[in-house]
mmCIF file of all heavy atoms, coordinates in Angstrom:
data_MODEL
# 
_entry.id   MODEL 
# 
loop_
_atom_site.group_PDB 
_atom_site.id 
_atom_site.type_symbol 
_atom_site.label_atom_id 
_atom_site.label_alt_id 
_atom_site.label_comp_id 
_atom_site.label_asym_id 
_atom_site.label_entity_id 
_atom_site.label_seq_id 
_atom_site.pdbx_PDB_ins_code 
_atom_site.Cartn_x 
_atom_site.Cartn_y 
_atom_site.Cartn_z 
_atom_site.occupancy 
_atom_site.B_iso_or_equiv 
_atom_site.pdbx_formal_charge 
_atom_site.auth_seq_id 
_atom_site.auth_comp_id 
_atom_site.auth_asym_id 
_atom_site.auth_atom_id 
_atom_site.pdbx_PDB_model_num 
ATOM 1   N N   . THR A 1 1  ? 128.717 132.026 126.782 1.00 0.00 ? 1  THR A N   1 
ATOM 2   C CA  . THR A 1 1  ? 130.032 131.728 126.241 1.00 0.00 ? 1  THR A CA  1 
ATOM 3   C C   . THR A 1 1  ? 130.474 130.360 126.701 1.00 0.00 ? 1  THR A C   1 
ATOM 4   O O   . THR A 1 1  ? 130.128 129.386 126.114 1.00 0.00 ? 1  THR A O   1 
ATOM 5   C CB  . THR A 1 1  ? 131.052 132.830 126.634 1.00 0.00 ? 1  THR A CB  1 
ATOM 6   O OG1 . THR A 1 1  ? 131.152 132.879 128.062 1.00 0.00 ? 1  THR A OG1 1 
ATOM 7   C CG2 . THR A 1 1  ? 130.663 134.198 126.108 1.00 0.00 ? 1  THR A CG2 1 
ATOM 8   N N   . SER A 1 2  ? 131.242 130.335 127.797 1.00 0.00 ? 2  SER A N   1 
ATOM 9   C CA  . SER A 1 2  ? 131.680 129.092 128.396 1.00 0.00 ? 2  SER A CA  1 
ATOM 10  C C   . SER A 1 2  ? 132.235 129.420 129.794 1.00 0.00 ? 2  SER A C   1 
ATOM 11  O O   . SER A 1 2  ? 132.528 130.560 130.087 1.00 0.00 ? 2  SER A O   1 
ATOM 12  C CB  . SER A 1 2  ? 132.783 128.418 127.567 1.00 0.00 ? 2  SER A CB  1 
ATOM 13  O OG  . SER A 1 2  ? 133.964 129.215 127.602 1.00 0.00 ? 2  SER A OG  1 
ATOM 14  N N   . GLN A 1 3  ? 132.376 128.372 130.606 1.00 0.00 ? 3  GLN A N   1 
ATOM 15  C CA  . GLN A 1 3  ? 132.969 128.596 131.943 1.00 0.00 ? 3  GLN A CA  1 
ATOM 16  C C   . GLN A 1 3  ? 134.404 129.090 131.780 1.00 0.00 ? 3  GLN A C   1 
ATOM 17  O O   . GLN A 1 3  ? 134.866 129.930 132.528 1.00 0.00 ? 3  GLN A O   1 
ATOM 18  C CB  . GLN A 1 3  ? 132.903 127.340 132.779 1.00 0.00 ? 3  GLN A CB  1 
ATOM 19  C CG  . GLN A 1 3  ? 131.510 127.055 133.299 1.00 0.00 ? 3  GLN A CG  1 
ATOM 20  C CD  . GLN A 1 3  ? 131.479 125.868 134.253 1.00 0.00 ? 3  GLN A CD  1 
ATOM 21  O OE1 . GLN A 1 3  ? 132.490 125.253 134.583 1.00 0.00 ? 3  GLN A OE1 1 
ATOM 22  N NE2 . GLN A 1 3  ? 130.252 125.518 134.696 1.00 0.00 ? 3  GLN A NE2 1 
ATOM 23  N N   . ARG A 1 4  ? 135.119 128.550 130.820 1.00 0.00 ? 4  ARG A N   1 
ATOM 24  C CA  . ARG A 1 4  ? 136.529 128.937 130.557 1.00 0.00 ? 4  ARG A CA  1 
ATOM 25  C C   . ARG A 1 4  ? 136.575 130.427 130.153 1.00 0.00 ? 4  ARG A C   1 
ATOM 26  O O   . ARG A 1 4  ? 137.412 131.174 130.640 1.00 0.00 ? 4  ARG A O   1 
ATOM 27  C CB  . ARG A 1 4  ? 137.124 128.064 129.432 1.00 0.00 ? 4  ARG A CB  1 
ATOM 28  C CG  . ARG A 1 4  ? 138.425 128.540 128.882 1.00 0.00 ? 4  ARG A CG  1 
ATOM 29  C CD  . ARG A 1 4  ? 139.671 128.105 129.662 1.00 0.00 ? 4  ARG A CD  1 
ATOM 30  N NE  . ARG A 1 4  ? 139.760 128.790 130.761 1.00 0.00 ? 4  ARG A NE  1 
ATOM 31  C CZ  . ARG A 1 4  ? 140.456 128.875 131.926 1.00 0.00 ? 4  ARG A CZ  1 
ATOM 32  N NH1 . ARG A 1 4  ? 141.178 128.333 132.280 1.00 0.00 ? 4  ARG A NH1 1 
ATOM 33  N NH2 . ARG A 1 4  ? 140.492 129.490 132.913 1.00 0.00 ? 4  ARG A NH2 1 
ATOM 34  N N   . GLY A 1 5  ? 135.669 130.851 129.284 1.00 0.00 ? 5  GLY A N   1 
ATOM 35  C CA  . GLY A 1 5  ? 135.641 132.252 128.857 1.00 0.00 ? 5  GLY A CA  1 
ATOM 36  C C   . GLY A 1 5  ? 135.352 133.193 130.009 1.00 0.00 ? 5  GLY A C   1 
ATOM 37  O O   . GLY A 1 5  ? 135.973 134.246 130.136 1.00 0.00 ? 5  GLY A O   1 
ATOM 38  N N   . VAL A 1 6  ? 134.393 132.845 130.833 1.00 0.00 ? 6  VAL A N   1 
ATOM 39  C CA  . VAL A 1 6  ? 134.045 133.651 131.991 1.00 0.00 ? 6  VAL A CA  1 
ATOM 40  C C   . VAL A 1 6  ? 135.171 133.642 133.005 1.00 0.00 ? 6  VAL A C   1 
ATOM 41  O O   . VAL A 1 6  ? 135.530 134.668 133.602 1.00 0.00 ? 6  VAL A O   1 
ATOM 42  C CB  . VAL A 1 6  ? 132.713 133.212 132.629 1.00 0.00 ? 6  VAL A CB  1 
ATOM 43  C CG1 . VAL A 1 6  ? 132.415 133.943 133.922 1.00 0.00 ? 6  VAL A CG1 1 
ATOM 44  C CG2 . VAL A 1 6  ? 131.563 133.433 131.619 1.00 0.00 ? 6  VAL A CG2 1 
ATOM 45  N N   . ALA A 1 7  ? 135.802 132.494 133.205 1.00 0.00 ? 7  ALA A N   1 
ATOM 46  C CA  . ALA A 1 7  ? 136.938 132.381 134.114 1.00 0.00 ? 7  ALA A CA  1 
ATOM 47  C C   . ALA A 1 7  ? 138.065 133.323 133.680 1.00 0.00 ? 7  ALA A C   1 
ATOM 48  O O   . ALA A 1 7  ? 138.641 134.036 134.491 1.00 0.00 ? 7  ALA A O   1 
ATOM 49  C CB  . ALA A 1 7  ? 137.438 130.938 134.172 1.00 0.00 ? 7  ALA A CB  1 
ATOM 50  N N   . ASP A 1 8  ? 138.338 133.367 132.373 1.00 0.00 ? 8  ASP A N   1 
ATOM 51  C CA  . ASP A 1 8  ? 139.389 134.255 131.869 1.00 0.00 ? 8  ASP A CA  1 
ATOM 52  C C   . ASP A 1 8  ? 139.009 135.697 132.140 1.00 0.00 ? 8  ASP A C   1 
ATOM 53  O O   . ASP A 1 8  ? 139.855 136.508 132.513 1.00 0.00 ? 8  ASP A O   1 
ATOM 54  C CB  . ASP A 1 8  ? 139.582 134.035 130.371 1.00 0.00 ? 8  ASP A CB  1 
ATOM 55  C CG  . ASP A 1 8  ? 140.260 132.701 130.048 1.00 0.00 ? 8  ASP A CG  1 
ATOM 56  O OD1 . ASP A 1 8  ? 140.839 132.093 130.960 1.00 0.00 ? 8  ASP A OD1 1 
ATOM 57  O OD2 . ASP A 1 8  ? 140.220 132.312 128.856 1.00 0.00 ? 8  ASP A OD2 1 
ATOM 58  N N   . GLN A 1 9  ? 137.739 136.012 131.934 1.00 0.00 ? 9  GLN A N   1 
ATOM 59  C CA  . GLN A 1 9  ? 137.267 137.381 132.175 1.00 0.00 ? 9  GLN A CA  1 
ATOM 60  C C   . GLN A 1 9  ? 137.431 137.787 133.638 1.00 0.00 ? 9  GLN A C   1 
ATOM 61  O O   . GLN A 1 9  ? 137.778 138.941 133.927 1.00 0.00 ? 9  GLN A O   1 
ATOM 62  C CB  . GLN A 1 9  ? 135.791 137.471 131.781 1.00 0.00 ? 9  GLN A CB  1 
ATOM 63  C CG  . GLN A 1 9  ? 135.297 138.810 131.356 1.00 0.00 ? 9  GLN A CG  1 
ATOM 64  C CD  . GLN A 1 9  ? 133.845 138.730 130.891 1.00 0.00 ? 9  GLN A CD  1 
ATOM 65  O OE1 . GLN A 1 9  ? 133.259 137.687 130.700 1.00 0.00 ? 9  GLN A OE1 1 
ATOM 66  N NE2 . GLN A 1 9  ? 133.273 139.901 130.715 1.00 0.00 ? 9  GLN A NE2 1 
ATOM 67  N N   . LEU A 1 10 ? 137.206 136.867 134.547 1.00 0.00 ? 10 LEU A N   1 
ATOM 68  C CA  . LEU A 1 10 ? 137.321 137.151 135.977 1.00 0.00 ? 10 LEU A CA  1 
ATOM 69  C C   . LEU A 1 10 ? 138.746 136.960 136.540 1.00 0.00 ? 10 LEU A C   1 
ATOM 70  O O   . LEU A 1 10 ? 139.005 137.289 137.696 1.00 0.00 ? 10 LEU A O   1 
ATOM 71  C CB  . LEU A 1 10 ? 136.376 136.247 136.767 1.00 0.00 ? 10 LEU A CB  1 
ATOM 72  C CG  . LEU A 1 10 ? 134.896 136.414 136.496 1.00 0.00 ? 10 LEU A CG  1 
ATOM 73  C CD1 . LEU A 1 10 ? 134.067 135.409 137.315 1.00 0.00 ? 10 LEU A CD1 1 
ATOM 74  C CD2 . LEU A 1 10 ? 134.426 137.825 136.790 1.00 0.00 ? 10 LEU A CD2 1 
ATOM 75  N N   . GLY A 1 11 ? 139.632 136.410 135.712 1.00 0.00 ? 11 GLY A N   1 
ATOM 76  C CA  . GLY A 1 11 ? 140.982 136.166 136.168 1.00 0.00 ? 11 GLY A CA  1 
ATOM 77  C C   . GLY A 1 11 ? 141.040 134.975 137.099 1.00 0.00 ? 11 GLY A C   1 
ATOM 78  O O   . GLY A 1 11 ? 141.884 134.915 138.018 1.00 0.00 ? 11 GLY A O   1 
ATOM 79  N N   . LYS A 1 12 ? 140.159 134.015 136.911 1.00 0.00 ? 12 LYS A N   1 
ATOM 80  C CA  . LYS A 1 12 ? 140.072 132.831 137.789 1.00 0.00 ? 12 LYS A CA  1 
ATOM 81  C C   . LYS A 1 12 ? 140.117 131.569 136.934 1.00 0.00 ? 12 LYS A C   1 
ATOM 82  O O   . LYS A 1 12 ? 140.176 131.638 135.710 1.00 0.00 ? 12 LYS A O   1 
ATOM 83  C CB  . LYS A 1 12 ? 138.769 132.857 138.599 1.00 0.00 ? 12 LYS A CB  1 
ATOM 84  C CG  . LYS A 1 12 ? 138.657 134.042 139.537 1.00 0.00 ? 12 LYS A CG  1 
ATOM 85  C CD  . LYS A 1 12 ? 139.618 133.951 140.669 1.00 0.00 ? 12 LYS A CD  1 
ATOM 86  C CE  . LYS A 1 12 ? 139.437 135.059 141.692 1.00 0.00 ? 12 LYS A CE  1 
ATOM 87  N NZ  . LYS A 1 12 ? 140.348 134.934 142.821 1.00 0.00 ? 12 LYS A NZ  1 
ATOM 88  N N   . SER A 1 13 ? 140.047 130.421 137.563 1.00 0.00 ? 13 SER A N   1 
ATOM 89  C CA  . SER A 1 13 ? 140.042 129.129 136.830 1.00 0.00 ? 13 SER A CA  1 
ATOM 90  C C   . SER A 1 13 ? 138.618 128.714 136.523 1.00 0.00 ? 13 SER A C   1 
ATOM 91  O O   . SER A 1 13 ? 137.643 129.156 137.183 1.00 0.00 ? 13 SER A O   1 
ATOM 92  C CB  . SER A 1 13 ? 140.726 128.054 137.680 1.00 0.00 ? 13 SER A CB  1 
ATOM 93  O OG  . SER A 1 13 ? 139.918 127.704 138.780 1.00 0.00 ? 13 SER A OG  1 
ATOM 94  N N   . SER A 1 14 ? 138.471 127.825 135.555 1.00 0.00 ? 14 SER A N   1 
ATOM 95  C CA  . SER A 1 14 ? 137.128 127.306 135.264 1.00 0.00 ? 14 SER A CA  1 
ATOM 96  C C   . SER A 1 14 ? 136.606 126.457 136.424 1.00 0.00 ? 14 SER A C   1 
ATOM 97  O O   . SER A 1 14 ? 135.386 126.388 136.637 1.00 0.00 ? 14 SER A O   1 
ATOM 98  C CB  . SER A 1 14 ? 137.119 126.533 133.930 1.00 0.00 ? 14 SER A CB  1 
ATOM 99  O OG  . SER A 1 14 ? 138.071 125.480 133.977 1.00 0.00 ? 14 SER A OG  1 
ATOM 100 N N   . GLY A 1 15 ? 137.493 125.852 137.173 1.00 0.00 ? 15 GLY A N   1 
ATOM 101 C CA  . GLY A 1 15 ? 137.067 125.104 138.367 1.00 0.00 ? 15 GLY A CA  1 
ATOM 102 C C   . GLY A 1 15 ? 136.445 125.988 139.413 1.00 0.00 ? 15 GLY A C   1 
ATOM 103 O O   . GLY A 1 15 ? 135.464 125.606 140.070 1.00 0.00 ? 15 GLY A O   1 
ATOM 104 N N   . TYR A 1 16 ? 136.989 127.171 139.546 1.00 0.00 ? 16 TYR A N   1 
ATOM 105 C CA  . TYR A 1 16 ? 136.422 128.199 140.473 1.00 0.00 ? 16 TYR A CA  1 
ATOM 106 C C   . TYR A 1 16 ? 134.992 128.530 140.044 1.00 0.00 ? 16 TYR A C   1 
ATOM 107 O O   . TYR A 1 16 ? 134.079 128.536 140.884 1.00 0.00 ? 16 TYR A O   1 
ATOM 108 C CB  . TYR A 1 16 ? 137.331 129.415 140.407 1.00 0.00 ? 16 TYR A CB  1 
ATOM 109 C CG  . TYR A 1 16 ? 136.841 130.654 141.153 1.00 0.00 ? 16 TYR A CG  1 
ATOM 110 C CD1 . TYR A 1 16 ? 137.096 130.829 142.518 1.00 0.00 ? 16 TYR A CD1 1 
ATOM 111 C CD2 . TYR A 1 16 ? 136.176 131.688 140.475 1.00 0.00 ? 16 TYR A CD2 1 
ATOM 112 C CE1 . TYR A 1 16 ? 136.671 131.983 143.161 1.00 0.00 ? 16 TYR A CE1 1 
ATOM 113 C CE2 . TYR A 1 16 ? 135.750 132.821 141.134 1.00 0.00 ? 16 TYR A CE2 1 
ATOM 114 C CZ  . TYR A 1 16 ? 136.016 132.967 142.483 1.00 0.00 ? 16 TYR A CZ  1 
ATOM 115 O OH  . TYR A 1 16 ? 135.594 134.088 143.149 1.00 0.00 ? 16 TYR A OH  1 
ATOM 116 N N   . ILE A 1 17 ? 134.799 128.742 138.759 1.00 0.00 ? 17 ILE A N   1 
ATOM 117 C CA  . ILE A 1 17 ? 133.476 129.086 138.237 1.00 0.00 ? 17 ILE A CA  1 
ATOM 118 C C   . ILE A 1 17 ? 132.521 127.928 138.501 1.00 0.00 ? 17 ILE A C   1 
ATOM 119 O O   . ILE A 1 17 ? 131.395 128.130 138.958 1.00 0.00 ? 17 ILE A O   1 
ATOM 120 C CB  . ILE A 1 17 ? 133.556 129.419 136.749 1.00 0.00 ? 17 ILE A CB  1 
ATOM 121 C CG1 . ILE A 1 17 ? 134.534 130.571 136.478 1.00 0.00 ? 17 ILE A CG1 1 
ATOM 122 C CG2 . ILE A 1 17 ? 132.174 129.711 136.178 1.00 0.00 ? 17 ILE A CG2 1 
ATOM 123 C CD1 . ILE A 1 17 ? 134.235 131.855 137.197 1.00 0.00 ? 17 ILE A CD1 1 
ATOM 124 N N   . SER A 1 18 ? 132.970 126.724 138.190 1.00 0.00 ? 18 SER A N   1 
ATOM 125 C CA  . SER A 1 18 ? 132.115 125.547 138.393 1.00 0.00 ? 18 SER A CA  1 
ATOM 126 C C   . SER A 1 18 ? 131.724 125.391 139.859 1.00 0.00 ? 18 SER A C   1 
ATOM 127 O O   . SER A 1 18 ? 130.543 125.116 140.149 1.00 0.00 ? 18 SER A O   1 
ATOM 128 C CB  . SER A 1 18 ? 132.871 124.308 137.907 1.00 0.00 ? 18 SER A CB  1 
ATOM 129 O OG  . SER A 1 18 ? 132.107 123.157 138.143 1.00 0.00 ? 18 SER A OG  1 
ATOM 130 N N   . ARG A 1 19 ? 132.681 125.583 140.771 1.00 0.00 ? 19 ARG A N   1 
ATOM 131 C CA  . ARG A 1 19 ? 132.372 125.419 142.184 1.00 0.00 ? 19 ARG A CA  1 
ATOM 132 C C   . ARG A 1 19 ? 131.367 126.491 142.664 1.00 0.00 ? 19 ARG A C   1 
ATOM 133 O O   . ARG A 1 19 ? 130.525 126.230 143.503 1.00 0.00 ? 19 ARG A O   1 
ATOM 134 C CB  . ARG A 1 19 ? 133.664 125.427 143.017 1.00 0.00 ? 19 ARG A CB  1 
ATOM 135 C CG  . ARG A 1 19 ? 134.428 124.129 142.846 1.00 0.00 ? 19 ARG A CG  1 
ATOM 136 C CD  . ARG A 1 19 ? 135.617 124.024 143.795 1.00 0.00 ? 19 ARG A CD  1 
ATOM 137 N NE  . ARG A 1 19 ? 136.615 125.080 143.596 1.00 0.00 ? 19 ARG A NE  1 
ATOM 138 C CZ  . ARG A 1 19 ? 137.568 125.048 142.703 1.00 0.00 ? 19 ARG A CZ  1 
ATOM 139 N NH1 . ARG A 1 19 ? 137.690 124.010 141.885 1.00 0.00 ? 19 ARG A NH1 1 
ATOM 140 N NH2 . ARG A 1 19 ? 138.459 126.031 142.599 1.00 0.00 ? 19 ARG A NH2 1 
ATOM 141 N N   . LEU A 1 20 ? 131.477 127.734 142.124 1.00 0.00 ? 20 LEU A N   1 
ATOM 142 C CA  . LEU A 1 20 ? 130.533 128.768 142.510 1.00 0.00 ? 20 LEU A CA  1 
ATOM 143 C C   . LEU A 1 20 ? 129.122 128.384 142.025 1.00 0.00 ? 20 LEU A C   1 
ATOM 144 O O   . LEU A 1 20 ? 128.143 128.458 142.771 1.00 0.00 ? 20 LEU A O   1 
ATOM 145 C CB  . LEU A 1 20 ? 130.924 130.120 141.921 1.00 0.00 ? 20 LEU A CB  1 
ATOM 146 C CG  . LEU A 1 20 ? 132.167 130.760 142.524 1.00 0.00 ? 20 LEU A CG  1 
ATOM 147 C CD1 . LEU A 1 20 ? 132.505 132.038 141.761 1.00 0.00 ? 20 LEU A CD1 1 
ATOM 148 C CD2 . LEU A 1 20 ? 131.950 131.073 144.008 1.00 0.00 ? 20 LEU A CD2 1 
ATOM 149 N N   . ILE A 1 21 ? 129.026 127.974 140.766 1.00 0.00 ? 21 ILE A N   1 
ATOM 150 C CA  . ILE A 1 21 ? 127.723 127.624 140.200 1.00 0.00 ? 21 ILE A CA  1 
ATOM 151 C C   . ILE A 1 21 ? 127.112 126.438 140.977 1.00 0.00 ? 21 ILE A C   1 
ATOM 152 O O   . ILE A 1 21 ? 125.909 126.428 141.246 1.00 0.00 ? 21 ILE A O   1 
ATOM 153 C CB  . ILE A 1 21 ? 127.853 127.321 138.705 1.00 0.00 ? 21 ILE A CB  1 
ATOM 154 C CG1 . ILE A 1 21 ? 128.111 128.628 137.932 1.00 0.00 ? 21 ILE A CG1 1 
ATOM 155 C CG2 . ILE A 1 21 ? 126.578 126.602 138.190 1.00 0.00 ? 21 ILE A CG2 1 
ATOM 156 C CD1 . ILE A 1 21 ? 128.456 128.424 136.462 1.00 0.00 ? 21 ILE A CD1 1 
ATOM 157 N N   . ASN A 1 22 ? 127.957 125.466 141.343 1.00 0.00 ? 22 ASN A N   1 
ATOM 158 C CA  . ASN A 1 22 ? 127.466 124.256 142.019 1.00 0.00 ? 22 ASN A CA  1 
ATOM 159 C C   . ASN A 1 22 ? 127.405 124.418 143.534 1.00 0.00 ? 22 ASN A C   1 
ATOM 160 O O   . ASN A 1 22 ? 127.158 123.430 144.236 1.00 0.00 ? 22 ASN A O   1 
ATOM 161 C CB  . ASN A 1 22 ? 128.324 123.063 141.614 1.00 0.00 ? 22 ASN A CB  1 
ATOM 162 C CG  . ASN A 1 22 ? 128.108 122.685 140.200 1.00 0.00 ? 22 ASN A CG  1 
ATOM 163 O OD1 . ASN A 1 22 ? 126.979 122.354 139.796 1.00 0.00 ? 22 ASN A OD1 1 
ATOM 164 N ND2 . ASN A 1 22 ? 129.161 122.722 139.371 1.00 0.00 ? 22 ASN A ND2 1 
ATOM 165 N N   . HIS A 1 23 ? 127.640 125.617 144.053 1.00 0.00 ? 23 HIS A N   1 
ATOM 166 C CA  . HIS A 1 23 ? 127.595 125.926 145.489 1.00 0.00 ? 23 HIS A CA  1 
ATOM 167 C C   . HIS A 1 23 ? 128.487 125.016 146.288 1.00 0.00 ? 23 HIS A C   1 
ATOM 168 O O   . HIS A 1 23 ? 128.115 124.562 147.387 1.00 0.00 ? 23 HIS A O   1 
ATOM 169 C CB  . HIS A 1 23 ? 126.147 125.880 145.968 1.00 0.00 ? 23 HIS A CB  1 
ATOM 170 C CG  . HIS A 1 23 ? 125.893 126.648 147.206 1.00 0.00 ? 23 HIS A CG  1 
ATOM 171 N ND1 . HIS A 1 23 ? 124.768 126.505 147.958 1.00 0.00 ? 23 HIS A ND1 1 
ATOM 172 C CD2 . HIS A 1 23 ? 126.636 127.591 147.835 1.00 0.00 ? 23 HIS A CD2 1 
ATOM 173 C CE1 . HIS A 1 23 ? 124.814 127.312 149.008 1.00 0.00 ? 23 HIS A CE1 1 
ATOM 174 N NE2 . HIS A 1 23 ? 125.942 127.991 148.948 1.00 0.00 ? 23 HIS A NE2 1 
ATOM 175 N N   . SER A 1 24 ? 129.665 124.723 145.751 1.00 0.00 ? 24 SER A N   1 
ATOM 176 C CA  . SER A 1 24 ? 130.626 123.864 146.471 1.00 0.00 ? 24 SER A CA  1 
ATOM 177 C C   . SER A 1 24 ? 131.966 124.566 146.686 1.00 0.00 ? 24 SER A C   1 
ATOM 178 O O   . SER A 1 24 ? 132.972 123.904 146.963 1.00 0.00 ? 24 SER A O   1 
ATOM 179 C CB  . SER A 1 24 ? 130.824 122.576 145.674 1.00 0.00 ? 24 SER A CB  1 
ATOM 180 O OG  . SER A 1 24 ? 131.372 122.830 144.387 1.00 0.00 ? 24 SER A OG  1 
ATOM 181 N N   . TYR A 1 25 ? 131.969 125.876 146.597 1.00 0.00 ? 25 TYR A N   1 
ATOM 182 C CA  . TYR A 1 25 ? 133.206 126.664 146.753 1.00 0.00 ? 25 TYR A CA  1 
ATOM 183 C C   . TYR A 1 25 ? 133.537 126.748 148.234 1.00 0.00 ? 25 TYR A C   1 
ATOM 184 O O   . TYR A 1 25 ? 132.693 127.046 149.065 1.00 0.00 ? 25 TYR A O   1 
ATOM 185 C CB  . TYR A 1 25 ? 133.034 128.030 146.115 1.00 0.00 ? 25 TYR A CB  1 
ATOM 186 C CG  . TYR A 1 25 ? 134.233 128.921 146.227 1.00 0.00 ? 25 TYR A CG  1 
ATOM 187 C CD1 . TYR A 1 25 ? 135.462 128.547 145.703 1.00 0.00 ? 25 TYR A CD1 1 
ATOM 188 C CD2 . TYR A 1 25 ? 134.146 130.175 146.814 1.00 0.00 ? 25 TYR A CD2 1 
ATOM 189 C CE1 . TYR A 1 25 ? 136.553 129.359 145.757 1.00 0.00 ? 25 TYR A CE1 1 
ATOM 190 C CE2 . TYR A 1 25 ? 135.242 131.035 146.874 1.00 0.00 ? 25 TYR A CE2 1 
ATOM 191 C CZ  . TYR A 1 25 ? 136.466 130.591 146.347 1.00 0.00 ? 25 TYR A CZ  1 
ATOM 192 O OH  . TYR A 1 25 ? 137.543 131.439 146.407 1.00 0.00 ? 25 TYR A OH  1 
ATOM 193 N N   . ALA A 1 26 ? 134.792 126.497 148.593 1.00 0.00 ? 26 ALA A N   1 
ATOM 194 C CA  . ALA A 1 26 ? 135.212 126.509 150.001 1.00 0.00 ? 26 ALA A CA  1 
ATOM 195 C C   . ALA A 1 26 ? 135.714 127.896 150.440 1.00 0.00 ? 26 ALA A C   1 
ATOM 196 O O   . ALA A 1 26 ? 135.971 128.080 151.600 1.00 0.00 ? 26 ALA A O   1 
ATOM 197 C CB  . ALA A 1 26 ? 136.258 125.475 150.216 1.00 0.00 ? 26 ALA A CB  1 
ATOM 198 N N   . GLY A 1 27 ? 135.833 128.829 149.506 1.00 0.00 ? 27 GLY A N   1 
ATOM 199 C CA  . GLY A 1 27 ? 136.391 130.156 149.830 1.00 0.00 ? 27 GLY A CA  1 
ATOM 200 C C   . GLY A 1 27 ? 135.294 131.149 150.177 1.00 0.00 ? 27 GLY A C   1 
ATOM 201 O O   . GLY A 1 27 ? 134.197 130.791 150.580 1.00 0.00 ? 27 GLY A O   1 
# 
């Protein structure tokens, strides 16, 4: 789909999804 679509599904932002995929999430 898209990062935005998955973010909506998870109740998170597309930036959150991007940081998880890119292993740069600080949380």
